[in-house]
Amino acid sequence: MPTINVQLFEGRTVEQKRAFVKAITEATCTTLNVSPDSVEIIMQEVKRENWATAGKLWSD
């Protein structure tokens, strides 16, 4: 059972999330030859103030 963890910034709409998980599920099924029922996707939304790259917060 593939479980896919995704971290992303807050702010996506429910429609965007639906489209995203549908596309990821389809790609996983095609690539790994598994059924959609076996694919789990966990999305963790992170505030920009809690994410940094190269020593700089994304909120800055």
C-alpha atoms as a PDB file:
ATOM      1  CA  MET A   1       0.000   0.000   0.000  1.00  0.00           C
ATOM      2  CA  PRO A   2       1.736   3.197  -1.108  1.00  0.00           C
ATOM      3  CA  THR A   3       1.418   6.053   1.363  1.00  0.00           C
ATOM      4  CA  ILE A   4       2.497   9.414   0.010  1.00  0.00           C
ATOM      5  CA  ASN A   5       3.265  12.307   2.359  1.00  0.00           C
ATOM      6  CA  VAL A   6       3.160  15.797   0.902  1.00  0.00           C
ATOM      7  CA  GLN A   7       4.063  19.025   2.656  1.00  0.00           C
ATOM      8  CA  LEU A   8       2.888  22.223   1.049  1.00  0.00           C
ATOM      9  CA  PHE A   9       2.185  25.813   1.914  1.00  0.00           C
ATOM     10  CA  GLU A  10      -1.288  26.729   3.101  1.00  0.00           C
ATOM     11  CA  GLY A  11      -3.683  28.363   0.708  1.00  0.00           C
ATOM     12  CA  ARG A  12      -4.731  25.760  -1.844  1.00  0.00           C
ATOM     13  CA  THR A  13      -8.453  25.401  -2.492  1.00  0.00           C
ATOM     14  CA  VAL A  14     -10.318  22.167  -1.917  1.00  0.00           C
ATOM     15  CA  GLU A  15     -10.732  21.912  -5.697  1.00  0.00           C
ATOM     16  CA  GLN A  16      -6.965  22.135  -6.191  1.00  0.00           C
ATOM     17  CA  LYS A  17      -6.408  19.464  -3.555  1.00  0.00           C
ATOM     18  CA  ARG A  18      -8.979  17.173  -5.197  1.00  0.00           C
ATOM     19  CA  ALA A  19      -7.283  17.564  -8.577  1.00  0.00           C
ATOM     20  CA  PHE A  20      -3.859  16.985  -7.008  1.00  0.00           C
ATOM     21  CA  VAL A  21      -4.772  13.773  -5.184  1.00  0.00           C
ATOM     22  CA  LYS A  22      -6.565  12.453  -8.270  1.00  0.00           C
ATOM     23  CA  ALA A  23      -3.479  13.050 -10.439  1.00  0.00           C
ATOM     24  CA  ILE A  24      -1.092  11.573  -7.865  1.00  0.00           C
ATOM     25  CA  THR A  25      -3.315   8.534  -7.392  1.00  0.00           C
ATOM     26  CA  GLU A  26      -3.534   7.925 -11.156  1.00  0.00           C
ATOM     27  CA  ALA A  27       0.237   8.281 -11.577  1.00  0.00           C
ATOM     28  CA  THR A  28       0.897   5.945  -8.655  1.00  0.00           C
ATOM     29  CA  CYS A  29      -1.488   3.301  -9.978  1.00  0.00           C
ATOM     30  CA  THR A  30       0.049   3.443 -13.442  1.00  0.00           C
ATOM     31  CA  THR A  31       3.641   3.440 -12.251  1.00  0.00           C
ATOM     32  CA  LEU A  32       3.384   0.896  -9.438  1.00  0.00           C
ATOM     33  CA  ASN A  33       0.568  -1.231 -10.887  1.00  0.00           C
ATOM     34  CA  VAL A  34      -1.631  -0.911  -7.799  1.00  0.00           C
ATOM     35  CA  SER A  35      -5.343  -0.245  -7.341  1.00  0.00           C
ATOM     36  CA  PRO A  36      -6.587   3.221  -6.356  1.00  0.00           C
ATOM     37  CA  ASP A  37      -7.957   1.774  -3.120  1.00  0.00           C
ATOM     38  CA  SER A  38      -4.427   1.042  -1.967  1.00  0.00           C
ATOM     39  CA  VAL A  39      -3.079   4.575  -2.449  1.00  0.00           C
ATOM     40  CA  GLU A  40      -3.071   6.879   0.564  1.00  0.00           C
ATOM     41  CA  ILE A  41      -2.051  10.531   0.416  1.00  0.00           C
ATOM     42  CA  ILE A  42      -1.422  12.655   3.484  1.00  0.00           C
ATOM     43  CA  MET A  43      -1.208  16.403   2.933  1.00  0.00           C
ATOM     44  CA  GLN A  44       0.314  18.584   5.611  1.00  0.00           C
ATOM     45  CA  GLU A  45      -0.210  22.294   5.167  1.00  0.00           C
ATOM     46  CA  VAL A  46       2.526  24.488   6.570  1.00  0.00           C
ATOM     47  CA  LYS A  47       2.434  28.213   7.221  1.00  0.00           C
ATOM     48  CA  ARG A  48       5.086  30.132   5.302  1.00  0.00           C
ATOM     49  CA  GLU A  49       6.437  31.420   8.616  1.00  0.00           C
ATOM     50  CA  ASN A  50       7.271  27.820   9.574  1.00  0.00           C
ATOM     51  CA  TRP A  51       9.281  26.986   6.440  1.00  0.00           C
ATOM     52  CA  ALA A  52      12.717  28.276   5.510  1.00  0.00           C
ATOM     53  CA  THR A  53      15.141  27.861   2.644  1.00  0.00           C
ATOM     54  CA  ALA A  54      18.738  29.076   2.646  1.00  0.00           C
ATOM     55  CA  GLY A  55      18.326  30.598   6.094  1.00  0.00           C
ATOM     56  CA  LYS A  56      15.331  32.709   5.154  1.00  0.00           C
ATOM     57  CA  LEU A  57      11.684  32.250   6.119  1.00  0.00           C
ATOM     58  CA  TRP A  58       9.281  32.012   3.205  1.00  0.00           C
ATOM     59  CA  SER A  59       7.093  34.589   4.948  1.00  0.00           C
ATOM     60  CA  ASP A  60       9.890  37.202   4.660  1.00  0.00           C
END
